[in-house]
Structures are given as structure tokens and as C-alpha cells.
């Protein structure tokens, strides 16, 4: 398996980081933006349609209020995988895409973990 790499182009539309994904690192997935088979992903389609690389560029302040972003299946998967995609979007907005890609590649994480309160 290839090591995790840092690249802003590997930030998925929803904020997941493809550069740390096992499938990407094994060469089994081209990543969010290059994956032509991912027509099922409404978030990816919305970002492409609006001309955004990620939801972090969308003017909606809280992605959790977006029906495309915060759909039922995404919430269930986030819970099961302990993933907080909206935290990724907030981090990108505060620190920029390059810093996010660097952090995720160093920590070899695809997403920020969901905080349990």
C-alpha cells in the first residue's frame, strides 16, 4: 500500500480525505473527483454543478442545514464510522485546503472523528 500523500486535489467534495483512504492507497479508487462511477453521490454532483471543489466553498454557513449534505444515509454512515464530515468542512474553512490535506496525510485519517459528548 502506498503511503498517505498530501494534496488538495484529494479532498473529497464532502470533506473526506481520499489521500488517506485504503482503497485509494491500494490503487482501487481514483478518489472523489476522478471517480466517474460516483454518479450516486449527490454531494459530489452538487459541488461539480456549482463549481466548488468541496462544500467548504459553499456560502451555506452550516453544512448540517443543507439537505444534500446532511442526508440520512450520510448521518448513519458517520455514526457507524465515527466520522464527522462537517468538522472537516469547518476545519477547511478555518485553516484552508492545503493545511487540511497536510494534517490528514500526516495523521493518515480520512475524516475527523466524531466527538462523543
PDB file of N, CA and C in Angstrom:
ATOM      1  N   UNK A   1       0.839  -1.174   0.000  1.00  0.00           N
ATOM      2  CA  UNK A   1       0.000   0.000   0.000  1.00  0.00           C
ATOM      3  C   UNK A   1       0.888   1.242   0.000  1.00  0.00           C
ATOM      4  N   UNK A   2       0.510   2.213  -0.829  1.00  0.00           N
ATOM      5  CA  UNK A   2       1.242   3.479  -0.886  1.00  0.00           C
ATOM      6  C   UNK A   2       1.028   4.267   0.398  1.00  0.00           C
ATOM      7  N   UNK A   3       1.988   5.109   0.772  1.00  0.00           N
ATOM      8  CA  UNK A   3       1.778   5.952   1.955  1.00  0.00           C
ATOM      9  C   UNK A   3       0.739   7.036   1.663  1.00  0.00           C
ATOM     10  N   UNK A   4       0.176   7.594   2.712  1.00  0.00           N
ATOM     11  CA  UNK A   4      -0.760   8.706   2.569  1.00  0.00           C
ATOM     12  C   UNK A   4      -0.015   9.907   2.000  1.00  0.00           C
ATOM     13  N   UNK A   5      -0.631  10.596   1.053  1.00  0.00           N
ATOM     14  CA  UNK A   5       0.015  11.756   0.441  1.00  0.00           C
ATOM     15  C   UNK A   5      -0.820  13.004   0.689  1.00  0.00           C
ATOM     16  N   UNK A   6      -0.168  14.142   0.672  1.00  0.00           N
ATOM     17  CA  UNK A   6      -0.840  15.414   0.897  1.00  0.00           C
ATOM     18  C   UNK A   6      -1.079  16.111  -0.434  1.00  0.00           C
ATOM     19  N   UNK A   7      -2.350  16.304  -0.765  1.00  0.00           N
ATOM     20  CA  UNK A   7      -2.711  17.001  -1.988  1.00  0.00           C
ATOM     21  C   UNK A   7      -4.113  17.566  -1.838  1.00  0.00           C
ATOM     22  N   UNK A   8      -4.268  18.844  -2.147  1.00  0.00           N
ATOM     23  CA  UNK A   8      -5.579  19.471  -2.047  1.00  0.00           C
ATOM     24  C   UNK A   8      -6.567  18.829  -3.024  1.00  0.00           C
ATOM     25  N   UNK A   9      -6.074  18.273  -4.113  1.00  0.00           N
ATOM     26  CA  UNK A   9      -6.939  17.628  -5.100  1.00  0.00           C
ATOM     27  C   UNK A   9      -7.556  16.336  -4.568  1.00  0.00           C
ATOM     28  N   UNK A  10      -7.049  15.839  -3.452  1.00  0.00           N
ATOM     29  CA  UNK A  10      -7.563  14.591  -2.875  1.00  0.00           C
ATOM     30  C   UNK A  10      -8.577  14.817  -1.761  1.00  0.00           C
ATOM     31  N   UNK A  11      -9.014  16.067  -1.599  1.00  0.00           N
ATOM     32  CA  UNK A  11     -10.074  16.357  -0.649  1.00  0.00           C
ATOM     33  C   UNK A  11     -11.396  16.104  -1.366  1.00  0.00           C
ATOM     34  N   UNK A  12     -12.192  15.199  -0.826  1.00  0.00           N
ATOM     35  CA  UNK A  12     -13.473  14.885  -1.425  1.00  0.00           C
ATOM     36  C   UNK A  12     -14.450  16.044  -1.284  1.00  0.00           C
ATOM     37  N   UNK A  13     -15.470  16.046  -2.105  1.00  0.00           N
ATOM     38  CA  UNK A  13     -16.474  17.104  -2.081  1.00  0.00           C
ATOM     39  C   UNK A  13     -17.083  17.274  -0.689  1.00  0.00           C
ATOM     40  N   UNK A  14     -17.296  16.167   0.019  1.00  0.00           N
ATOM     41  CA  UNK A  14     -17.941  16.212   1.338  1.00  0.00           C
ATOM     42  C   UNK A  14     -16.956  16.500   2.471  1.00  0.00           C
ATOM     43  N   UNK A  15     -15.665  16.544   2.173  1.00  0.00           N
ATOM     44  CA  UNK A  15     -14.667  16.809   3.203  1.00  0.00           C
ATOM     45  C   UNK A  15     -13.857  15.593   3.602  1.00  0.00           C
ATOM     46  N   UNK A  16     -14.230  14.415   3.125  1.00  0.00           N
ATOM     47  CA  UNK A  16     -13.396  13.240   3.391  1.00  0.00           C
ATOM     48  C   UNK A  16     -12.078  13.403   2.642  1.00  0.00           C
ATOM     49  N   UNK A  17     -10.997  12.825   3.177  1.00  0.00           N
ATOM     50  CA  UNK A  17      -9.685  12.970   2.547  1.00  0.00           C
ATOM     51  C   UNK A  17      -9.269  11.672   1.865  1.00  0.00           C
ATOM     52  N   UNK A  18      -9.348  11.658   0.542  1.00  0.00           N
ATOM     53  CA  UNK A  18      -9.054  10.467  -0.254  1.00  0.00           C
ATOM     54  C   UNK A  18      -7.585  10.021  -0.137  1.00  0.00           C
ATOM     55  N   UNK A  19      -6.676  10.945   0.102  1.00  0.00           N
ATOM     56  CA  UNK A  19      -5.251  10.614   0.166  1.00  0.00           C
ATOM     57  C   UNK A  19      -4.889   9.653   1.281  1.00  0.00           C
ATOM     58  N   UNK A  20      -5.750   9.526   2.285  1.00  0.00           N
ATOM     59  CA  UNK A  20      -5.511   8.595   3.391  1.00  0.00           C
ATOM     60  C   UNK A  20      -6.390   7.355   3.316  1.00  0.00           C
ATOM     61  N   UNK A  21      -7.229   7.264   2.297  1.00  0.00           N
ATOM     62  CA  UNK A  21      -8.151   6.140   2.152  1.00  0.00           C
ATOM     63  C   UNK A  21      -7.407   4.878   1.708  1.00  0.00           C
ATOM     64  N   UNK A  22      -7.704   3.759   2.337  1.00  0.00           N
ATOM     65  CA  UNK A  22      -7.035   2.494   1.985  1.00  0.00           C
ATOM     66  C   UNK A  22      -7.289   2.107   0.532  1.00  0.00           C
ATOM     67  N   UNK A  23      -8.531   2.268   0.072  1.00  0.00           N
ATOM     68  CA  UNK A  23      -8.849   1.904  -1.317  1.00  0.00           C
ATOM     69  C   UNK A  23      -8.049   2.764  -2.301  1.00  0.00           C
ATOM     70  N   UNK A  24      -7.936   4.054  -2.005  1.00  0.00           N
ATOM     71  CA  UNK A  24      -7.149   4.945  -2.864  1.00  0.00           C
ATOM     72  C   UNK A  24      -5.682   4.553  -2.825  1.00  0.00           C
ATOM     73  N   UNK A  25      -5.169   4.310  -1.624  1.00  0.00           N
ATOM     74  CA  UNK A  25      -3.747   3.987  -1.462  1.00  0.00           C
ATOM     75  C   UNK A  25      -3.385   2.643  -2.084  1.00  0.00           C
ATOM     76  N   UNK A  26      -4.375   1.738  -2.207  1.00  0.00           N
ATOM     77  CA  UNK A  26      -4.135   0.446  -2.858  1.00  0.00           C
ATOM     78  C   UNK A  26      -4.368   0.512  -4.362  1.00  0.00           C
ATOM     79  N   UNK A  27      -4.751   1.682  -4.870  1.00  0.00           N
ATOM     80  CA  UNK A  27      -4.991   1.845  -6.298  1.00  0.00           C
ATOM     81  C   UNK A  27      -6.344   1.318  -6.759  1.00  0.00           C
ATOM     82  N   UNK A  28      -7.277   1.112  -5.831  1.00  0.00           N
ATOM     83  CA  UNK A  28      -8.591   0.568  -6.171  1.00  0.00           C
ATOM     84  C   UNK A  28      -9.651   1.645  -6.361  1.00  0.00           C
ATOM     85  N   UNK A  29      -9.312   2.895  -6.115  1.00  0.00           N
ATOM     86  CA  UNK A  29     -10.243   4.012  -6.290  1.00  0.00           C
ATOM     87  C   UNK A  29      -9.437   5.228  -6.737  1.00  0.00           C
ATOM     88  N   UNK A  30      -9.938   5.990  -7.704  1.00  0.00           N
ATOM     89  CA  UNK A  30      -9.198   7.162  -8.165  1.00  0.00           C
ATOM     90  C   UNK A  30      -9.392   8.401  -7.293  1.00  0.00           C
ATOM     91  N   UNK A  31     -10.243   8.308  -6.277  1.00  0.00           N
ATOM     92  CA  UNK A  31     -10.543   9.471  -5.456  1.00  0.00           C
ATOM     93  C   UNK A  31     -11.844  10.119  -5.898  1.00  0.00           C
ATOM     94  N   UNK A  32     -12.398  10.941  -5.058  1.00  0.00           N
ATOM     95  CA  UNK A  32     -13.713  11.535  -5.280  1.00  0.00           C
ATOM     96  C   UNK A  32     -13.854  12.225  -6.632  1.00  0.00           C
ATOM     97  N   UNK A  33     -12.991  13.164  -6.914  1.00  0.00           N
ATOM     98  CA  UNK A  33     -13.166  13.992  -8.108  1.00  0.00           C
ATOM     99  C   UNK A  33     -12.891  13.246  -9.407  1.00  0.00           C
ATOM    100  N   UNK A  34     -12.043  12.243  -9.371  1.00  0.00           N
ATOM    101  CA  UNK A  34     -11.719  11.480 -10.580  1.00  0.00           C
ATOM    102  C   UNK A  34     -12.594  10.241 -10.747  1.00  0.00           C
ATOM    103  N   UNK A  35     -13.436   9.953  -9.785  1.00  0.00           N
ATOM    104  CA  UNK A  35     -14.245   8.741  -9.817  1.00  0.00           C
ATOM    105  C   UNK A  35     -15.517   8.966 -10.632  1.00  0.00           C
ATOM    106  N   UNK A  36     -15.463   8.639 -11.902  1.00  0.00           N
ATOM    107  CA  UNK A  36     -16.598   8.835 -12.802  1.00  0.00           C
ATOM    108  C   UNK A  36     -17.773   7.909 -12.460  1.00  0.00           C
ATOM    109  N   UNK A  37     -17.520   6.854 -11.698  1.00  0.00           N
ATOM    110  CA  UNK A  37     -18.587   5.928 -11.301  1.00  0.00           C
ATOM    111  C   UNK A  37     -19.388   6.435 -10.110  1.00  0.00           C
ATOM    112  N   UNK A  38     -18.963   7.508  -9.490  1.00  0.00           N
ATOM    113  CA  UNK A  38     -19.621   8.013  -8.280  1.00  0.00           C
ATOM    114  C   UNK A  38     -20.806   8.920  -8.613  1.00  0.00           C
ATOM    115  N   UNK A  39     -21.554   8.584  -9.630  1.00  0.00           N
ATOM    116  CA  UNK A  39     -22.711   9.388 -10.013  1.00  0.00           C
ATOM    117  C   UNK A  39     -23.807   9.338  -8.957  1.00  0.00           C
ATOM    118  N   UNK A  40     -23.750   8.369  -8.060  1.00  0.00           N
ATOM    119  CA  UNK A  40     -24.717   8.222  -6.981  1.00  0.00           C
ATOM    120  C   UNK A  40     -24.543   9.281  -5.900  1.00  0.00           C
ATOM    121  N   UNK A  41     -23.393   9.955  -5.849  1.00  0.00           N
ATOM    122  CA  UNK A  41     -23.101  10.902  -4.768  1.00  0.00           C
ATOM    123  C   UNK A  41     -23.675  12.282  -5.088  1.00  0.00           C
ATOM    124  N   UNK A  42     -24.735  12.646  -4.382  1.00  0.00           N
ATOM    125  CA  UNK A  42     -25.376  13.938  -4.584  1.00  0.00           C
ATOM    126  C   UNK A  42     -24.498  15.108  -4.178  1.00  0.00           C
ATOM    127  N   UNK A  43     -23.659  14.908  -3.164  1.00  0.00           N
ATOM    128  CA  UNK A  43     -22.765  15.970  -2.706  1.00  0.00           C
ATOM    129  C   UNK A  43     -21.739  16.283  -3.787  1.00  0.00           C
ATOM    130  N   UNK A  44     -21.146  15.253  -4.339  1.00  0.00           N
ATOM    131  CA  UNK A  44     -20.160  15.420  -5.410  1.00  0.00           C
ATOM    132  C   UNK A  44     -20.793  16.108  -6.615  1.00  0.00           C
ATOM    133  N   UNK A  45     -21.988  15.666  -6.973  1.00  0.00           N
ATOM    134  CA  UNK A  45     -22.687  16.248  -8.122  1.00  0.00           C
ATOM    135  C   UNK A  45     -23.011  17.724  -7.885  1.00  0.00           C
ATOM    136  N   UNK A  46     -23.472  18.056  -6.683  1.00  0.00           N
ATOM    137  CA  UNK A  46     -23.786  19.439  -6.349  1.00  0.00           C
ATOM    138  C   UNK A  46     -22.540  20.324  -6.450  1.00  0.00           C
ATOM    139  N   UNK A  47     -21.427  19.860  -5.886  1.00  0.00           N
ATOM    140  CA  UNK A  47     -20.183  20.636  -5.943  1.00  0.00           C
ATOM    141  C   UNK A  47     -19.734  20.852  -7.384  1.00  0.00           C
ATOM    142  N   UNK A  48     -19.804  19.802  -8.203  1.00  0.00           N
ATOM    143  CA  UNK A  48     -19.423  19.949  -9.607  1.00  0.00           C
ATOM    144  C   UNK A  48     -20.331  20.955 -10.312  1.00  0.00           C
ATOM    145  N   UNK A  49     -21.631  20.856 -10.066  1.00  0.00           N
ATOM    146  CA  UNK A  49     -22.598  21.748 -10.696  1.00  0.00           C
ATOM    147  C   UNK A  49     -22.359  23.206 -10.296  1.00  0.00           C
ATOM    148  N   UNK A  50     -22.024  23.438  -9.031  1.00  0.00           N
ATOM    149  CA  UNK A  50     -21.810  24.796  -8.523  1.00  0.00           C
ATOM    150  C   UNK A  50     -20.389  25.310  -8.778  1.00  0.00           C
ATOM    151  N   UNK A  51     -19.481  24.414  -9.207  1.00  0.00           N
ATOM    152  CA  UNK A  51     -18.099  24.817  -9.472  1.00  0.00           C
ATOM    153  C   UNK A  51     -17.223  24.856  -8.233  1.00  0.00           C
ATOM    154  N   UNK A  52     -17.606  24.132  -7.180  1.00  0.00           N
ATOM    155  CA  UNK A  52     -16.834  24.083  -5.938  1.00  0.00           C
ATOM    156  C   UNK A  52     -16.014  22.800  -5.896  1.00  0.00           C
ATOM    157  N   UNK A  53     -14.822  22.869  -5.333  1.00  0.00           N
ATOM    158  CA  UNK A  53     -14.046  21.646  -5.129  1.00  0.00           C
ATOM    159  C   UNK A  53     -14.566  20.882  -3.917  1.00  0.00           C
ATOM    160  N   UNK A  54     -15.025  21.608  -2.901  1.00  0.00           N
ATOM    161  CA  UNK A  54     -15.609  20.989  -1.706  1.00  0.00           C
ATOM    162  C   UNK A  54     -16.770  21.841  -1.211  1.00  0.00           C
ATOM    163  N   UNK A  55     -17.534  21.283  -0.296  1.00  0.00           N
ATOM    164  CA  UNK A  55     -18.632  22.025   0.324  1.00  0.00           C
ATOM    165  C   UNK A  55     -18.119  23.201   1.151  1.00  0.00           C
ATOM    166  N   UNK A  56     -16.852  23.229   1.477  1.00  0.00           N
ATOM    167  CA  UNK A  56     -16.281  24.336   2.245  1.00  0.00           C
ATOM    168  C   UNK A  56     -16.369  25.644   1.474  1.00  0.00           C
ATOM    169  N   UNK A  57     -16.506  25.577   0.176  1.00  0.00           N
ATOM    170  CA  UNK A  57     -16.608  26.787  -0.648  1.00  0.00           C
ATOM    171  C   UNK A  57     -18.044  27.267  -0.825  1.00  0.00           C
ATOM    172  N   UNK A  58     -18.988  26.505  -0.351  1.00  0.00           N
ATOM    173  CA  UNK A  58     -20.407  26.845  -0.468  1.00  0.00           C
ATOM    174  C   UNK A  58     -20.731  27.981   0.508  1.00  0.00           C
ATOM    175  N   UNK A  59     -21.599  28.923   0.115  1.00  0.00           N
ATOM    176  CA  UNK A  59     -21.942  30.022   1.022  1.00  0.00           C
ATOM    177  C   UNK A  59     -22.842  29.627   2.200  1.00  0.00           C
ATOM    178  N   UNK A  60     -23.406  28.414   2.177  1.00  0.00           N
ATOM    179  CA  UNK A  60     -24.204  27.973   3.326  1.00  0.00           C
ATOM    180  C   UNK A  60     -23.269  27.855   4.529  1.00  0.00           C
ATOM    181  N   UNK A  61     -23.572  28.597   5.584  1.00  0.00           N
ATOM    182  CA  UNK A  61     -22.662  28.641   6.732  1.00  0.00           C
ATOM    183  C   UNK A  61     -22.515  27.303   7.442  1.00  0.00           C
ATOM    184  N   UNK A  62     -23.615  26.614   7.667  1.00  0.00           N
ATOM    185  CA  UNK A  62     -23.575  25.337   8.392  1.00  0.00           C
ATOM    186  C   UNK A  62     -24.020  24.229   7.441  1.00  0.00           C
ATOM    187  N   UNK A  63     -23.072  23.387   7.030  1.00  0.00           N
ATOM    188  CA  UNK A  63     -23.412  22.336   6.067  1.00  0.00           C
ATOM    189  C   UNK A  63     -24.465  21.384   6.617  1.00  0.00           C
ATOM    190  N   UNK A  64     -24.614  21.323   7.919  1.00  0.00           N
ATOM    191  CA  UNK A  64     -25.626  20.445   8.506  1.00  0.00           C
ATOM    192  C   UNK A  64     -27.050  20.909   8.201  1.00  0.00           C
ATOM    193  N   UNK A  65     -27.216  22.138   7.742  1.00  0.00           N
ATOM    194  CA  UNK A  65     -28.540  22.624   7.348  1.00  0.00           C
ATOM    195  C   UNK A  65     -28.835  22.339   5.881  1.00  0.00           C
ATOM    196  N   UNK A  66     -27.864  21.836   5.149  1.00  0.00           N
ATOM    197  CA  UNK A  66     -28.031  21.523   3.730  1.00  0.00           C
ATOM    198  C   UNK A  66     -28.610  20.118   3.579  1.00  0.00           C
ATOM    199  N   UNK A  67     -29.729  20.004   2.883  1.00  0.00           N
ATOM    200  CA  UNK A  67     -30.372  18.694   2.722  1.00  0.00           C
ATOM    201  C   UNK A  67     -29.540  17.760   1.852  1.00  0.00           C
ATOM    202  N   UNK A  68     -28.785  18.298   0.917  1.00  0.00           N
ATOM    203  CA  UNK A  68     -27.922  17.454   0.086  1.00  0.00           C
ATOM    204  C   UNK A  68     -26.789  16.881   0.921  1.00  0.00           C
ATOM    205  N   UNK A  69     -26.195  17.696   1.766  1.00  0.00           N
ATOM    206  CA  UNK A  69     -25.051  17.281   2.574  1.00  0.00           C
ATOM    207  C   UNK A  69     -25.465  16.394   3.747  1.00  0.00           C
ATOM    208  N   UNK A  70     -26.515  16.766   4.413  1.00  0.00           N
ATOM    209  CA  UNK A  70     -26.894  16.120   5.668  1.00  0.00           C
ATOM    210  C   UNK A  70     -28.055  15.140   5.469  1.00  0.00           C
ATOM    211  N   UNK A  71     -27.868  14.192   4.579  1.00  0.00           N
ATOM    212  CA  UNK A  71     -28.920  13.219   4.302  1.00  0.00           C
ATOM    213  C   UNK A  71     -28.819  12.031   5.266  1.00  0.00           C
ATOM    214  N   UNK A  72     -29.883  11.259   5.351  1.00  0.00           N
ATOM    215  CA  UNK A  72     -29.992  10.175   6.326  1.00  0.00           C
ATOM    216  C   UNK A  72     -28.862   9.151   6.214  1.00  0.00           C
ATOM    217  N   UNK A  73     -28.570   8.694   5.012  1.00  0.00           N
ATOM    218  CA  UNK A  73     -27.528   7.671   4.843  1.00  0.00           C
ATOM    219  C   UNK A  73     -26.172   8.207   5.295  1.00  0.00           C
ATOM    220  N   UNK A  74     -25.872   9.463   4.982  1.00  0.00           N
ATOM    221  CA  UNK A  74     -24.623  10.071   5.422  1.00  0.00           C
ATOM    222  C   UNK A  74     -24.520  10.151   6.931  1.00  0.00           C
ATOM    223  N   UNK A  75     -25.632  10.474   7.592  1.00  0.00           N
ATOM    224  CA  UNK A  75     -25.627  10.540   9.063  1.00  0.00           C
ATOM    225  C   UNK A  75     -25.427   9.159   9.672  1.00  0.00           C
ATOM    226  N   UNK A  76     -26.072   8.151   9.083  1.00  0.00           N
ATOM    227  CA  UNK A  76     -25.919   6.783   9.598  1.00  0.00           C
ATOM    228  C   UNK A  76     -24.477   6.310   9.419  1.00  0.00           C
ATOM    229  N   UNK A  77     -23.920   6.512   8.233  1.00  0.00           N
ATOM    230  CA  UNK A  77     -22.527   6.109   7.992  1.00  0.00           C
ATOM    231  C   UNK A  77     -21.566   6.867   8.903  1.00  0.00           C
ATOM    232  N   UNK A  78     -21.817   8.159   9.105  1.00  0.00           N
ATOM    233  CA  UNK A  78     -20.982   8.946  10.011  1.00  0.00           C
ATOM    234  C   UNK A  78     -20.994   8.389  11.418  1.00  0.00           C
ATOM    235  N   UNK A  79     -22.161   7.958  11.865  1.00  0.00           N
ATOM    236  CA  UNK A  79     -22.276   7.370  13.203  1.00  0.00           C
ATOM    237  C   UNK A  79     -21.529   6.045  13.274  1.00  0.00           C
ATOM    238  N   UNK A  80     -21.761   5.171  12.298  1.00  0.00           N
ATOM    239  CA  UNK A  80     -21.129   3.849  12.300  1.00  0.00           C
ATOM    240  C   UNK A  80     -19.613   3.928  12.173  1.00  0.00           C
ATOM    241  N   UNK A  81     -19.127   4.886  11.389  1.00  0.00           N
ATOM    242  CA  UNK A  81     -17.689   5.007  11.141  1.00  0.00           C
ATOM    243  C   UNK A  81     -17.008   6.040  12.034  1.00  0.00           C
ATOM    244  N   UNK A  82     -17.769   6.596  12.991  1.00  0.00           N
ATOM    245  CA  UNK A  82     -17.240   7.624  13.887  1.00  0.00           C
ATOM    246  C   UNK A  82     -16.645   8.790  13.099  1.00  0.00           C
ATOM    247  N   UNK A  83     -17.339   9.213  12.062  1.00  0.00           N
ATOM    248  CA  UNK A  83     -16.869  10.244  11.151  1.00  0.00           C
ATOM    249  C   UNK A  83     -17.640  11.541  11.322  1.00  0.00           C
ATOM    250  N   UNK A  84     -16.934  12.650  11.329  1.00  0.00           N
ATOM    251  CA  UNK A  84     -17.568  13.965  11.399  1.00  0.00           C
ATOM    252  C   UNK A  84     -17.140  14.778  10.181  1.00  0.00           C
ATOM    253  N   UNK A  85     -17.838  14.537   9.078  1.00  0.00           N
ATOM    254  CA  UNK A  85     -17.500  15.242   7.838  1.00  0.00           C
ATOM    255  C   UNK A  85     -17.684  16.750   7.973  1.00  0.00           C
ATOM    256  N   UNK A  86     -18.696  17.171   8.729  1.00  0.00           N
ATOM    257  CA  UNK A  86     -18.913  18.614   8.887  1.00  0.00           C
ATOM    258  C   UNK A  86     -17.757  19.264   9.645  1.00  0.00           C
ATOM    259  N   UNK A  87     -17.101  18.525  10.535  1.00  0.00           N
ATOM    260  CA  UNK A  87     -15.910  19.052  11.215  1.00  0.00           C
ATOM    261  C   UNK A  87     -14.784  19.253  10.205  1.00  0.00           C
ATOM    262  N   UNK A  88     -14.708  18.371   9.226  1.00  0.00           N
ATOM    263  CA  UNK A  88     -13.711  18.529   8.156  1.00  0.00           C
ATOM    264  C   UNK A  88     -13.969  19.814   7.385  1.00  0.00           C
ATOM    265  N   UNK A  89     -15.240  20.065   7.040  1.00  0.00           N
ATOM    266  CA  UNK A  89     -15.590  21.283   6.307  1.00  0.00           C
ATOM    267  C   UNK A  89     -15.274  22.521   7.140  1.00  0.00           C
ATOM    268  N   UNK A  90     -15.585  22.495   8.432  1.00  0.00           N
ATOM    269  CA  UNK A  90     -15.263  23.637   9.305  1.00  0.00           C
ATOM    270  C   UNK A  90     -13.750  23.858   9.374  1.00  0.00           C
ATOM    271  N   UNK A  91     -12.983  22.768   9.460  1.00  0.00           N
ATOM    272  CA  UNK A  91     -11.516  22.884   9.524  1.00  0.00           C
ATOM    273  C   UNK A  91     -10.982  23.508   8.230  1.00  0.00           C
ATOM    274  N   UNK A  92     -11.489  23.049   7.090  1.00  0.00           N
ATOM    275  CA  UNK A  92     -11.053  23.599   5.801  1.00  0.00           C
ATOM    276  C   UNK A  92     -11.355  25.088   5.736  1.00  0.00           C
ATOM    277  N   UNK A  93     -12.516  25.476   6.186  1.00  0.00           N
ATOM    278  CA  UNK A  93     -12.888  26.899   6.153  1.00  0.00           C
ATOM    279  C   UNK A  93     -11.985  27.740   7.043  1.00  0.00           C
ATOM    280  N   UNK A  94     -11.603  27.214   8.195  1.00  0.00           N
ATOM    281  CA  UNK A  94     -10.755  27.970   9.130  1.00  0.00           C
ATOM    282  C   UNK A  94      -9.290  27.996   8.720  1.00  0.00           C
ATOM    283  N   UNK A  95      -8.786  26.853   8.226  1.00  0.00           N
ATOM    284  CA  UNK A  95      -7.341  26.712   8.019  1.00  0.00           C
ATOM    285  C   UNK A  95      -6.923  26.563   6.552  1.00  0.00           C
ATOM    286  N   UNK A  96      -7.867  26.331   5.671  1.00  0.00           N
ATOM    287  CA  UNK A  96      -7.557  26.187   4.254  1.00  0.00           C
ATOM    288  C   UNK A  96      -7.374  24.730   3.833  1.00  0.00           C
ATOM    289  N   UNK A  97      -7.525  24.514   2.538  1.00  0.00           N
ATOM    290  CA  UNK A  97      -7.444  23.166   1.991  1.00  0.00           C
ATOM    291  C   UNK A  97      -6.051  22.555   2.112  1.00  0.00           C
ATOM    292  N   UNK A  98      -5.027  23.363   1.919  1.00  0.00           N
ATOM    293  CA  UNK A  98      -3.660  22.828   1.994  1.00  0.00           C
ATOM    294  C   UNK A  98      -3.342  22.331   3.398  1.00  0.00           C
ATOM    295  N   UNK A  99      -3.691  23.116   4.413  1.00  0.00           N
ATOM    296  CA  UNK A  99      -3.436  22.709   5.798  1.00  0.00           C
ATOM    297  C   UNK A  99      -4.237  21.457   6.152  1.00  0.00           C
ATOM    298  N   UNK A 100      -5.494  21.386   5.678  1.00  0.00           N
ATOM    299  CA  UNK A 100      -6.316  20.206   5.923  1.00  0.00           C
ATOM    300  C   UNK A 100      -5.677  18.969   5.296  1.00  0.00           C
ATOM    301  N   UNK A 101      -5.263  19.073   4.038  1.00  0.00           N
ATOM    302  CA  UNK A 101      -4.627  17.934   3.352  1.00  0.00           C
ATOM    303  C   UNK A 101      -3.356  17.507   4.079  1.00  0.00           C
ATOM    304  N   UNK A 102      -2.563  18.470   4.520  1.00  0.00           N
ATOM    305  CA  UNK A 102      -1.340  18.144   5.259  1.00  0.00           C
ATOM    306  C   UNK A 102      -1.663  17.416   6.559  1.00  0.00           C
ATOM    307  N   UNK A 103      -2.626  17.941   7.307  1.00  0.00           N
ATOM    308  CA  UNK A 103      -2.995  17.316   8.585  1.00  0.00           C
ATOM    309  C   UNK A 103      -3.492  15.888   8.384  1.00  0.00           C
ATOM    310  N   UNK A 104      -4.379  15.710   7.422  1.00  0.00           N
ATOM    311  CA  UNK A 104      -4.972  14.394   7.210  1.00  0.00           C
ATOM    312  C   UNK A 104      -3.939  13.383   6.705  1.00  0.00           C
ATOM    313  N   UNK A 105      -2.994  13.828   5.892  1.00  0.00           N
ATOM    314  CA  UNK A 105      -1.976  12.892   5.402  1.00  0.00           C
ATOM    315  C   UNK A 105      -0.994  12.517   6.514  1.00  0.00           C
ATOM    316  N   UNK A 106      -0.657  13.459   7.369  1.00  0.00           N
ATOM    317  CA  UNK A 106       0.255  13.172   8.485  1.00  0.00           C
ATOM    318  C   UNK A 106      -0.398  12.215   9.476  1.00  0.00           C
ATOM    319  N   UNK A 107      -1.673  12.449   9.784  1.00  0.00           N
ATOM    320  CA  UNK A 107      -2.374  11.600  10.746  1.00  0.00           C
ATOM    321  C   UNK A 107      -2.939  10.338  10.091  1.00  0.00           C
ATOM    322  N   UNK A 108      -2.863  10.281   8.760  1.00  0.00           N
ATOM    323  CA  UNK A 108      -3.398   9.167   7.964  1.00  0.00           C
ATOM    324  C   UNK A 108      -4.869   8.914   8.275  1.00  0.00           C
ATOM    325  N   UNK A 109      -5.619  10.007   8.376  1.00  0.00           N
ATOM    326  CA  UNK A 109      -7.055   9.922   8.623  1.00  0.00           C
ATOM    327  C   UNK A 109      -7.822  10.358   7.380  1.00  0.00           C
ATOM    328  N   UNK A 110      -8.948   9.713   7.136  1.00  0.00           N
ATOM    329  CA  UNK A 110      -9.837  10.121   6.045  1.00  0.00           C
ATOM    330  C   UNK A 110     -10.790  11.212   6.507  1.00  0.00           C
ATOM    331  N   UNK A 111     -11.054  11.248   7.785  1.00  0.00           N
ATOM    332  CA  UNK A 111     -12.026  12.178   8.336  1.00  0.00           C
ATOM    333  C   UNK A 111     -11.668  12.506   9.773  1.00  0.00           C
ATOM    334  N   UNK A 112     -12.253  13.547  10.255  1.00  0.00           N
ATOM    335  CA  UNK A 112     -12.081  13.867  11.663  1.00  0.00           C
ATOM    336  C   UNK A 112     -13.061  13.021  12.461  1.00  0.00           C
ATOM    337  N   UNK A 113     -12.630  12.514  13.590  1.00  0.00           N
ATOM    338  CA  UNK A 113     -13.540  11.677  14.383  1.00  0.00           C
ATOM    339  C   UNK A 113     -14.662  12.487  15.002  1.00  0.00           C
ATOM    340  N   UNK A 114     -15.795  11.854  15.121  1.00  0.00           N
ATOM    341  CA  UNK A 114     -16.956  12.445  15.763  1.00  0.00           C
ATOM    342  C   UNK A 114     -16.683  12.526  17.264  1.00  0.00           C
ATOM    343  N   UNK A 115     -16.952  13.670  17.844  1.00  0.00           N
ATOM    344  CA  UNK A 115     -16.726  13.834  19.278  1.00  0.00           C
ATOM    345  C   UNK A 115     -17.945  13.326  20.015  1.00  0.00           C
ATOM    346  N   UNK A 116     -17.691  12.522  21.005  1.00  0.00           N
ATOM    347  CA  UNK A 116     -18.770  11.996  21.828  1.00  0.00           C
ATOM    348  C   UNK A 116     -18.925  12.870  23.063  1.00  0.00           C
ATOM    349  N   UNK A 117     -20.093  13.346  23.295  1.00  0.00           N
ATOM    350  CA  UNK A 117     -20.352  14.235  24.441  1.00  0.00           C
ATOM    351  C   UNK A 117     -21.076  13.497  25.521  1.00  0.00           C
TER     352      UNK A 117
END
